[in-house]
Every structure is written in C-alpha cells, then in structure tokens.
PDB file of N, CA and C in Angstrom:
ATOM      1  N   MET A   1      12.973   8.206   1.406  1.00  0.00           N
ATOM      2  CA  MET A   1      11.884   9.063   1.853  1.00  0.00           C
ATOM      3  C   MET A   1      12.086   9.361   3.336  1.00  0.00           C
ATOM      4  N   ASN A   2      12.038  10.614   3.685  1.00  0.00           N
ATOM      5  CA  ASN A   2      12.258  10.955   5.082  1.00  0.00           C
ATOM      6  C   ASN A   2      10.938  10.999   5.858  1.00  0.00           C
ATOM      7  N   HIS A   3      11.033  11.205   7.146  1.00  0.00           N
ATOM      8  CA  HIS A   3       9.868  11.156   8.023  1.00  0.00           C
ATOM      9  C   HIS A   3       8.815  12.208   7.652  1.00  0.00           C
ATOM     10  N   THR A   4       9.237  13.380   7.258  1.00  0.00           N
ATOM     11  CA  THR A   4       8.260  14.420   6.921  1.00  0.00           C
ATOM     12  C   THR A   4       7.484  14.066   5.660  1.00  0.00           C
ATOM     13  N   ASP A   5       8.109  13.378   4.709  1.00  0.00           N
ATOM     14  CA  ASP A   5       7.393  12.928   3.525  1.00  0.00           C
ATOM     15  C   ASP A   5       6.280  11.963   3.910  1.00  0.00           C
ATOM     16  N   ARG A   6       6.568  11.050   4.802  1.00  0.00           N
ATOM     17  CA  ARG A   6       5.558  10.090   5.268  1.00  0.00           C
ATOM     18  C   ARG A   6       4.398  10.808   5.945  1.00  0.00           C
ATOM     19  N   ALA A   7       4.712  11.858   6.649  1.00  0.00           N
ATOM     20  CA  ALA A   7       3.675  12.571   7.398  1.00  0.00           C
ATOM     21  C   ALA A   7       2.659  13.233   6.477  1.00  0.00           C
ATOM     22  N   THR A   8       3.019  13.508   5.249  1.00  0.00           N
ATOM     23  CA  THR A   8       2.094  14.170   4.333  1.00  0.00           C
ATOM     24  C   THR A   8       1.200  13.186   3.585  1.00  0.00           C
ATOM     25  N   LEU A   9       1.483  11.898   3.702  1.00  0.00           N
ATOM     26  CA  LEU A   9       0.693  10.884   3.004  1.00  0.00           C
ATOM     27  C   LEU A   9      -0.489  10.436   3.847  1.00  0.00           C
ATOM     28  N   PRO A  10      -1.545   9.941   3.195  1.00  0.00           N
ATOM     29  CA  PRO A  10      -2.672   9.401   3.963  1.00  0.00           C
ATOM     30  C   PRO A  10      -2.259   8.109   4.665  1.00  0.00           C
ATOM     31  N   LEU A  11      -2.963   7.741   5.708  1.00  0.00           N
ATOM     32  CA  LEU A  11      -2.647   6.513   6.439  1.00  0.00           C
ATOM     33  C   LEU A  11      -2.908   5.270   5.605  1.00  0.00           C
ATOM     34  N   LEU A  12      -3.884   5.355   4.726  1.00  0.00           N
ATOM     35  CA  LEU A  12      -4.238   4.235   3.862  1.00  0.00           C
ATOM     36  C   LEU A  12      -4.158   4.657   2.404  1.00  0.00           C
ATOM     37  N   LEU A  13      -3.711   3.735   1.555  1.00  0.00           N
ATOM     38  CA  LEU A  13      -3.622   3.992   0.125  1.00  0.00           C
ATOM     39  C   LEU A  13      -4.621   3.110  -0.609  1.00  0.00           C
ATOM     40  N   GLU A  14      -5.237   3.654  -1.642  1.00  0.00           N
ATOM     41  CA  GLU A  14      -6.051   2.819  -2.508  1.00  0.00           C
ATOM     42  C   GLU A  14      -5.120   1.828  -3.185  1.00  0.00           C
ATOM     43  N   VAL A  15      -5.636   0.677  -3.531  1.00  0.00           N
ATOM     44  CA  VAL A  15      -4.818  -0.372  -4.115  1.00  0.00           C
ATOM     45  C   VAL A  15      -4.125   0.109  -5.392  1.00  0.00           C
ATOM     46  N   THR A  16      -4.821   0.866  -6.223  1.00  0.00           N
ATOM     47  CA  THR A  16      -4.215   1.340  -7.474  1.00  0.00           C
ATOM     48  C   THR A  16      -3.023   2.258  -7.207  1.00  0.00           C
ATOM     49  N   ALA A  17      -3.129   3.123  -6.202  1.00  0.00           N
ATOM     50  CA  ALA A  17      -2.027   4.022  -5.862  1.00  0.00           C
ATOM     51  C   ALA A  17      -0.844   3.230  -5.310  1.00  0.00           C
ATOM     52  N   ALA A  18      -1.123   2.252  -4.466  1.00  0.00           N
ATOM     53  CA  ALA A  18      -0.059   1.428  -3.899  1.00  0.00           C
ATOM     54  C   ALA A  18       0.619   0.607  -4.998  1.00  0.00           C
ATOM     55  N   ALA A  19      -0.163   0.108  -5.936  1.00  0.00           N
ATOM     56  CA  ALA A  19       0.400  -0.671  -7.042  1.00  0.00           C
ATOM     57  C   ALA A  19       1.365   0.180  -7.857  1.00  0.00           C
ATOM     58  N   ARG A  20       0.978   1.415  -8.143  1.00  0.00           N
ATOM     59  CA  ARG A  20       1.872   2.322  -8.881  1.00  0.00           C
ATOM     60  C   ARG A  20       3.159   2.560  -8.103  1.00  0.00           C
ATOM     61  N   LEU A  21       3.031   2.795  -6.812  1.00  0.00           N
ATOM     62  CA  LEU A  21       4.201   3.040  -5.969  1.00  0.00           C
ATOM     63  C   LEU A  21       5.140   1.842  -5.962  1.00  0.00           C
ATOM     64  N   LEU A  22       4.567   0.648  -5.941  1.00  0.00           N
ATOM     65  CA  LEU A  22       5.365  -0.571  -5.894  1.00  0.00           C
ATOM     66  C   LEU A  22       5.832  -1.029  -7.271  1.00  0.00           C
ATOM     67  N   GLY A  23       5.247  -0.460  -8.324  1.00  0.00           N
ATOM     68  CA  GLY A  23       5.622  -0.857  -9.673  1.00  0.00           C
ATOM     69  C   GLY A  23       5.054  -2.204 -10.081  1.00  0.00           C
ATOM     70  N   ILE A  24       3.867  -2.535  -9.542  1.00  0.00           N
ATOM     71  CA  ILE A  24       3.207  -3.792  -9.876  1.00  0.00           C
ATOM     72  C   ILE A  24       1.820  -3.486 -10.431  1.00  0.00           C
ATOM     73  N   SER A  25       1.197  -4.489 -11.011  1.00  0.00           N
ATOM     74  CA  SER A  25      -0.146  -4.285 -11.561  1.00  0.00           C
ATOM     75  C   SER A  25      -1.170  -4.207 -10.442  1.00  0.00           C
ATOM     76  N   ARG A  26      -2.313  -3.649 -10.773  1.00  0.00           N
ATOM     77  CA  ARG A  26      -3.410  -3.545  -9.812  1.00  0.00           C
ATOM     78  C   ARG A  26      -3.843  -4.939  -9.360  1.00  0.00           C
ATOM     79  N   SER A  27      -3.936  -5.872 -10.299  1.00  0.00           N
ATOM     80  CA  SER A  27      -4.365  -7.226  -9.936  1.00  0.00           C
ATOM     81  C   SER A  27      -3.339  -7.909  -9.034  1.00  0.00           C
ATOM     82  N   ALA A  28      -2.055  -7.668  -9.283  1.00  0.00           N
ATOM     83  CA  ALA A  28      -1.014  -8.233  -8.415  1.00  0.00           C
ATOM     84  C   ALA A  28      -1.112  -7.646  -7.010  1.00  0.00           C
ATOM     85  N   ALA A  29      -1.431  -6.363  -6.910  1.00  0.00           N
ATOM     86  CA  ALA A  29      -1.582  -5.727  -5.598  1.00  0.00           C
ATOM     87  C   ALA A  29      -2.781  -6.312  -4.855  1.00  0.00           C
ATOM     88  N   TYR A  30      -3.883  -6.535  -5.565  1.00  0.00           N
ATOM     89  CA  TYR A  30      -5.042  -7.166  -4.920  1.00  0.00           C
ATOM     90  C   TYR A  30      -4.720  -8.580  -4.462  1.00  0.00           C
ATOM     91  N   ARG A  31      -4.009  -9.343  -5.293  1.00  0.00           N
ATOM     92  CA  ARG A  31      -3.622 -10.703  -4.897  1.00  0.00           C
ATOM     93  C   ARG A  31      -2.742 -10.672  -3.645  1.00  0.00           C
ATOM     94  N   ALA A  32      -1.785  -9.752  -3.616  1.00  0.00           N
ATOM     95  CA  ALA A  32      -0.890  -9.642  -2.460  1.00  0.00           C
ATOM     96  C   ALA A  32      -1.656  -9.222  -1.211  1.00  0.00           C
ATOM     97  N   ALA A  33      -2.632  -8.346  -1.367  1.00  0.00           N
ATOM     98  CA  ALA A  33      -3.453  -7.933  -0.222  1.00  0.00           C
ATOM     99  C   ALA A  33      -4.304  -9.097   0.275  1.00  0.00           C
ATOM    100  N   ASN A  34      -4.901  -9.845  -0.657  1.00  0.00           N
ATOM    101  CA  ASN A  34      -5.751 -10.975  -0.272  1.00  0.00           C
ATOM    102  C   ASN A  34      -4.973 -12.093   0.388  1.00  0.00           C
ATOM    103  N   SER A  35      -3.712 -12.265  -0.006  1.00  0.00           N
ATOM    104  CA  SER A  35      -2.884 -13.328   0.573  1.00  0.00           C
ATOM    105  C   SER A  35      -2.249 -12.905   1.900  1.00  0.00           C
ATOM    106  N   GLY A  36      -2.311 -11.598   2.203  1.00  0.00           N
ATOM    107  CA  GLY A  36      -1.692 -11.098   3.425  1.00  0.00           C
ATOM    108  C   GLY A  36      -0.261 -10.634   3.214  1.00  0.00           C
ATOM    109  N   GLU A  37       0.243 -10.773   1.988  1.00  0.00           N
ATOM    110  CA  GLU A  37       1.598 -10.334   1.675  1.00  0.00           C
ATOM    111  C   GLU A  37       1.742  -8.818   1.825  1.00  0.00           C
ATOM    112  N   LEU A  38       0.684  -8.097   1.476  1.00  0.00           N
ATOM    113  CA  LEU A  38       0.613  -6.651   1.708  1.00  0.00           C
ATOM    114  C   LEU A  38      -0.456  -6.405   2.765  1.00  0.00           C
ATOM    115  N   PRO A  39      -0.132  -5.642   3.797  1.00  0.00           N
ATOM    116  CA  PRO A  39      -1.105  -5.383   4.862  1.00  0.00           C
ATOM    117  C   PRO A  39      -2.248  -4.502   4.349  1.00  0.00           C
ATOM    118  N   SER A  40      -3.456  -4.973   4.546  1.00  0.00           N
ATOM    119  CA  SER A  40      -4.606  -4.237   4.019  1.00  0.00           C
ATOM    120  C   SER A  40      -5.699  -4.094   5.066  1.00  0.00           C
ATOM    121  N   ARG A  41      -6.592  -3.174   4.782  1.00  0.00           N
ATOM    122  CA  ARG A  41      -7.781  -2.940   5.606  1.00  0.00           C
ATOM    123  C   ARG A  41      -8.968  -2.788   4.670  1.00  0.00           C
ATOM    124  N   ARG A  42     -10.099  -3.264   5.085  1.00  0.00           N
ATOM    125  CA  ARG A  42     -11.325  -3.100   4.307  1.00  0.00           C
ATOM    126  C   ARG A  42     -12.200  -2.065   4.994  1.00  0.00           C
ATOM    127  N   LEU A  43     -12.627  -1.086   4.228  1.00  0.00           N
ATOM    128  CA  LEU A  43     -13.518  -0.043   4.738  1.00  0.00           C
ATOM    129  C   LEU A  43     -14.601   0.196   3.697  1.00  0.00           C
ATOM    130  N   GLY A  44     -15.844   0.076   4.117  1.00  0.00           N
ATOM    131  CA  GLY A  44     -16.950   0.338   3.206  1.00  0.00           C
ATOM    132  C   GLY A  44     -16.917  -0.525   1.956  1.00  0.00           C
ATOM    133  N   GLY A  45     -16.452  -1.756   2.073  1.00  0.00           N
ATOM    134  CA  GLY A  45     -16.398  -2.659   0.939  1.00  0.00           C
ATOM    135  C   GLY A  45     -15.201  -2.448   0.031  1.00  0.00           C
ATOM    136  N   ARG A  46     -14.353  -1.496   0.340  1.00  0.00           N
ATOM    137  CA  ARG A  46     -13.171  -1.222  -0.480  1.00  0.00           C
ATOM    138  C   ARG A  46     -11.926  -1.700   0.251  1.00  0.00           C
ATOM    139  N   VAL A  47     -10.900  -2.011  -0.505  1.00  0.00           N
ATOM    140  CA  VAL A  47      -9.634  -2.488   0.055  1.00  0.00           C
ATOM    141  C   VAL A  47      -8.622  -1.353   0.004  1.00  0.00           C
ATOM    142  N   TYR A  48      -7.954  -1.143   1.115  1.00  0.00           N
ATOM    143  CA  TYR A  48      -6.895  -0.138   1.209  1.00  0.00           C
ATOM    144  C   TYR A  48      -5.653  -0.806   1.772  1.00  0.00           C
ATOM    145  N   LEU A  49      -4.501  -0.284   1.398  1.00  0.00           N
ATOM    146  CA  LEU A  49      -3.246  -0.795   1.930  1.00  0.00           C
ATOM    147  C   LEU A  49      -2.677   0.204   2.926  1.00  0.00           C
ATOM    148  N   VAL A  50      -2.042  -0.312   3.960  1.00  0.00           N
ATOM    149  CA  VAL A  50      -1.479   0.517   5.016  1.00  0.00           C
ATOM    150  C   VAL A  50      -0.222   1.206   4.472  1.00  0.00           C
ATOM    151  N   THR A  51      -0.272   2.514   4.366  1.00  0.00           N
ATOM    152  CA  THR A  51       0.787   3.300   3.728  1.00  0.00           C
ATOM    153  C   THR A  51       2.149   3.032   4.346  1.00  0.00           C
ATOM    154  N   ALA A  52       2.264   3.074   5.645  1.00  0.00           N
ATOM    155  CA  ALA A  52       3.560   2.894   6.312  1.00  0.00           C
ATOM    156  C   ALA A  52       4.172   1.536   5.970  1.00  0.00           C
ATOM    157  N   LYS A  53       3.355   0.502   5.915  1.00  0.00           N
ATOM    158  CA  LYS A  53       3.857  -0.841   5.603  1.00  0.00           C
ATOM    159  C   LYS A  53       4.294  -0.925   4.144  1.00  0.00           C
ATOM    160  N   VAL A  54       3.535  -0.293   3.233  1.00  0.00           N
ATOM    161  CA  VAL A  54       3.917  -0.282   1.832  1.00  0.00           C
ATOM    162  C   VAL A  54       5.242   0.462   1.666  1.00  0.00           C
ATOM    163  N   LEU A  55       5.383   1.590   2.324  1.00  0.00           N
ATOM    164  CA  LEU A  55       6.639   2.351   2.237  1.00  0.00           C
ATOM    165  C   LEU A  55       7.811   1.563   2.821  1.00  0.00           C
ATOM    166  N   ASP A  56       7.554   0.827   3.896  1.00  0.00           N
ATOM    167  CA  ASP A  56       8.607  -0.019   4.466  1.00  0.00           C
ATOM    168  C   ASP A  56       9.077  -1.052   3.452  1.00  0.00           C
ATOM    169  N   LEU A  57       8.141  -1.636   2.710  1.00  0.00           N
ATOM    170  CA  LEU A  57       8.502  -2.619   1.676  1.00  0.00           C
ATOM    171  C   LEU A  57       9.342  -1.968   0.592  1.00  0.00           C
ATOM    172  N   VAL A  58       8.978  -0.765   0.188  1.00  0.00           N
ATOM    173  CA  VAL A  58       9.715  -0.044  -0.847  1.00  0.00           C
ATOM    174  C   VAL A  58      11.133   0.249  -0.369  1.00  0.00           C
ATOM    175  N   GLU A  59      11.258   0.682   0.867  1.00  0.00           N
ATOM    176  CA  GLU A  59      12.569   1.041   1.394  1.00  0.00           C
ATOM    177  C   GLU A  59      13.460  -0.171   1.594  1.00  0.00           C
ATOM    178  N   GLU A  60      12.869  -1.354   1.834  1.00  0.00           N
ATOM    179  CA  GLU A  60      13.647  -2.582   2.018  1.00  0.00           C
ATOM    180  C   GLU A  60      14.204  -3.084   0.698  1.00  0.00           C
ATOM    181  N   ALA A  61      13.532  -2.752  -0.391  1.00  0.00           N
ATOM    182  CA  ALA A  61      13.944  -3.288  -1.716  1.00  0.00           C
ATOM    183  C   ALA A  61      15.237  -2.685  -2.195  1.00  0.00           C
TER     184      ALA A  61
END
C-alpha cells in the first residue's frame, strides 16, 4: 500500500473493519485491543483502532 492509499483512509478504524483487514475475528481484534497488542482509542464508549498502526502490522507480516 502506498502513501496515497493511506491518505484516503480514516485515521481510526472500527474494530470490525480492522479485523477484516487483518484476517482475524472481531473477538480476537477486541482482545488484541484490550491487551494493547493493537493500538486503540476509545471515543464515545466505542473502541477504534489506529489505522496507521494496523497498516504497519499488515505490512510487517
């Protein structure tokens, strides 16, 4: 994924979207966010994952 592709994505991803991108289950993504394995932010009671960090994980794999 090049830099311009990243620029079109939102800064934060819903957990379900990040799980699909990573190829893991929604519950696994929540567990990883809760453990700190995936960088997350809470807004309005909802959990979001930091898009750039998720993409970095994908690119490292």
